Amino acid sequence: MKKALLLLVLVTLPGILWAKDGPGSAGKLETACKVWTSWDAAGRQQPKVLTPDSARTTVAQASCILYLQGWYAGVDGALAPDDKGVMGVATFSDGVTTEQMAKVFVLYMAAHPEAESKLAHVAVSDAMFNAGLLAWPAYKAGQ
């Protein structure tokens, strides 16, 4: 029962924290994704005993993972006009992973500190587009 409750808290807490502050800024998402990508890069495993440090790491990881997965699901296949009014459909490169998106986003933010105050979804979109993971080819009827 304790494990189920802990799992429920860990799954719902990131969303609650993000919802509490309204739309997340790119800087907040960058912080969460940095924690996840640096933890993963060091080859560390999640500890079996939950400490305040490991809890913060777990929440940061979940925040980054859930935000990027939700963003991906919401954008994939979406239609949007370009500057000239031509409709394009969001298309991701084959095999794009959440971890790959997090690493690309962290690198993008390091190169574009001015994007820190943007809404997270705008900065994520810019990062994926600049990295070539996201394209907006013109929509053709029957696609």
Protein backbone atom coordinates (compact mmCIF):
# COMPACT_ATOMS: atom_id res chain seq x y z
CA MET A 1 0.00 0.00 0.00
CA LYS A 2 2.83 2.40 0.87
CA LYS A 3 4.53 1.69 -2.45
CA ALA A 4 1.31 2.33 -4.37
CA LEU A 5 0.78 5.63 -2.54
CA LEU A 6 4.39 6.70 -3.13
CA LEU A 7 4.09 5.83 -6.81
CA LEU A 8 0.86 7.83 -7.07
CA VAL A 9 2.51 10.86 -5.45
CA LEU A 10 5.58 10.62 -7.70
CA VAL A 11 3.44 10.35 -10.82
CA THR A 12 1.04 13.18 -9.97
CA LEU A 13 3.30 15.61 -8.10
CA PRO A 14 5.19 16.97 -11.13
CA GLY A 15 1.97 17.80 -12.93
CA ILE A 16 0.55 19.46 -9.83
CA LEU A 17 3.70 21.53 -9.36
CA TRP A 18 3.67 22.66 -12.99
CA ALA A 19 -0.06 23.42 -12.90
CA LYS A 20 0.32 25.45 -9.70
CA ASP A 21 2.56 28.01 -11.41
CA GLY A 22 0.68 28.09 -14.71
CA PRO A 23 2.51 27.43 -17.94
CA GLY A 24 6.07 26.45 -17.20
CA SER A 25 8.88 28.66 -18.34
CA ALA A 26 11.67 27.28 -20.47
CA GLY A 27 14.07 27.98 -17.60
CA LYS A 28 12.08 25.80 -15.20
CA LEU A 29 11.92 22.97 -17.70
CA GLU A 30 15.63 23.33 -18.43
CA THR A 31 16.41 22.93 -14.73
CA ALA A 32 14.32 19.75 -14.52
CA CYS A 33 15.81 18.30 -17.70
CA LYS A 34 19.36 19.15 -16.60
CA VAL A 35 18.82 17.13 -13.44
CA TRP A 36 17.55 14.18 -15.45
CA THR A 37 20.21 14.25 -18.18
CA SER A 38 23.10 14.80 -15.74
CA TRP A 39 21.84 11.99 -13.49
CA ASP A 40 21.53 9.65 -16.47
CA ALA A 41 24.91 10.68 -17.93
CA ALA A 42 26.63 9.77 -14.68
CA GLY A 43 25.16 6.26 -14.94
CA ARG A 44 23.57 6.51 -11.52
CA GLN A 45 20.65 4.36 -10.53
CA GLN A 46 17.70 5.51 -8.48
CA PRO A 47 18.33 4.75 -4.80
CA LYS A 48 16.18 2.17 -3.08
CA VAL A 49 15.61 4.48 -0.10
CA LEU A 50 13.91 7.79 -0.80
CA THR A 51 15.87 10.72 0.64
CA PRO A 52 15.12 14.43 0.15
CA ASP A 53 17.83 14.62 -2.54
CA SER A 54 16.65 11.53 -4.39
CA ALA A 55 13.04 12.73 -4.12
CA ARG A 56 13.96 16.07 -5.75
CA THR A 57 15.82 14.20 -8.48
CA THR A 58 12.86 11.89 -9.06
CA VAL A 59 10.42 14.81 -9.26
CA ALA A 60 12.73 16.68 -11.67
CA GLN A 61 13.10 13.60 -13.86
CA ALA A 62 9.36 13.01 -13.90
CA SER A 63 8.67 16.69 -14.64
CA CYS A 64 10.98 16.66 -17.65
CA ILE A 65 9.85 13.27 -18.95
CA LEU A 66 6.12 13.92 -18.57
CA TYR A 67 6.28 17.43 -20.01
CA LEU A 68 8.24 16.33 -23.08
CA GLN A 69 6.06 13.26 -23.67
CA GLY A 70 2.90 15.35 -23.37
CA TRP A 71 4.33 18.03 -25.65
CA TYR A 72 5.32 15.41 -28.23
CA ALA A 73 1.86 13.81 -28.15
CA GLY A 74 0.20 17.19 -28.54
CA VAL A 75 2.40 18.42 -31.39
CA ASP A 76 2.86 15.25 -33.47
CA GLY A 77 0.65 15.56 -36.55
CA ALA A 78 -0.63 19.03 -35.63
CA LEU A 79 -1.44 21.49 -38.40
CA ALA A 80 -0.19 25.07 -38.22
CA PRO A 81 0.35 27.88 -40.73
CA ASP A 82 3.80 29.28 -41.45
CA ASP A 83 4.55 33.01 -41.88
CA LYS A 84 3.02 32.94 -45.37
CA GLY A 85 -0.16 31.16 -44.28
CA VAL A 86 0.82 27.80 -45.80
CA MET A 87 -0.40 24.96 -43.59
CA GLY A 88 2.26 22.55 -42.37
CA VAL A 89 1.97 19.31 -40.44
CA ALA A 90 4.31 18.62 -37.51
CA THR A 91 6.49 15.65 -38.36
CA PHE A 92 9.15 14.15 -36.08
CA SER A 93 12.22 12.23 -37.20
CA ASP A 94 11.84 8.47 -36.81
CA GLY A 95 12.88 7.05 -33.47
CA VAL A 96 13.00 10.31 -31.48
CA THR A 97 13.12 9.45 -27.77
CA THR A 98 12.19 11.50 -24.73
CA GLU A 99 15.77 11.33 -23.49
CA GLN A 100 17.03 12.60 -26.85
CA MET A 101 14.56 15.49 -26.73
CA ALA A 102 15.70 16.36 -23.18
CA LYS A 103 19.37 16.42 -24.19
CA VAL A 104 18.63 18.53 -27.29
CA PHE A 105 16.56 20.94 -25.19
CA VAL A 106 19.30 21.34 -22.54
CA LEU A 107 21.92 21.99 -25.25
CA TYR A 108 19.61 24.49 -26.99
CA MET A 109 19.01 26.39 -23.76
CA ALA A 110 22.75 26.53 -23.04
CA ALA A 111 23.27 28.13 -26.46
CA HIS A 112 20.22 30.43 -26.17
CA PRO A 113 20.02 31.85 -22.63
CA GLU A 114 17.61 34.51 -23.89
CA ALA A 115 15.00 31.75 -24.30
CA GLU A 116 14.87 31.14 -20.54
CA SER A 117 11.84 33.39 -20.07
CA LYS A 118 9.90 31.93 -23.02
CA LEU A 119 7.05 29.55 -22.38
CA ALA A 120 8.44 26.02 -22.26
CA HIS A 121 6.46 24.75 -25.26
CA VAL A 122 7.83 27.53 -27.48
CA ALA A 123 11.45 26.88 -26.49
CA VAL A 124 11.02 23.10 -26.85
CA SER A 125 9.57 23.58 -30.33
CA ASP A 126 12.44 25.88 -31.31
CA ALA A 127 15.00 23.41 -29.95
CA MET A 128 13.52 20.42 -31.79
CA PHE A 129 13.17 22.38 -35.03
CA ASN A 130 16.75 23.73 -34.85
CA ALA A 131 18.10 20.22 -34.18
CA GLY A 132 16.21 18.79 -37.16
CA LEU A 133 14.06 16.51 -35.01
CA LEU A 134 10.88 18.39 -35.92
CA ALA A 135 9.82 19.59 -39.36
CA TRP A 136 6.71 21.35 -40.67
CA PRO A 137 6.36 20.19 -44.29
CA ALA A 138 3.50 21.71 -46.28
CA TYR A 139 0.22 19.86 -45.80
CA LYS A 140 -1.18 18.15 -48.90
CA ALA A 141 -4.80 17.06 -49.09
CA GLY A 142 -5.16 13.32 -48.51
CA GLN A 143 -2.16 13.09 -46.17
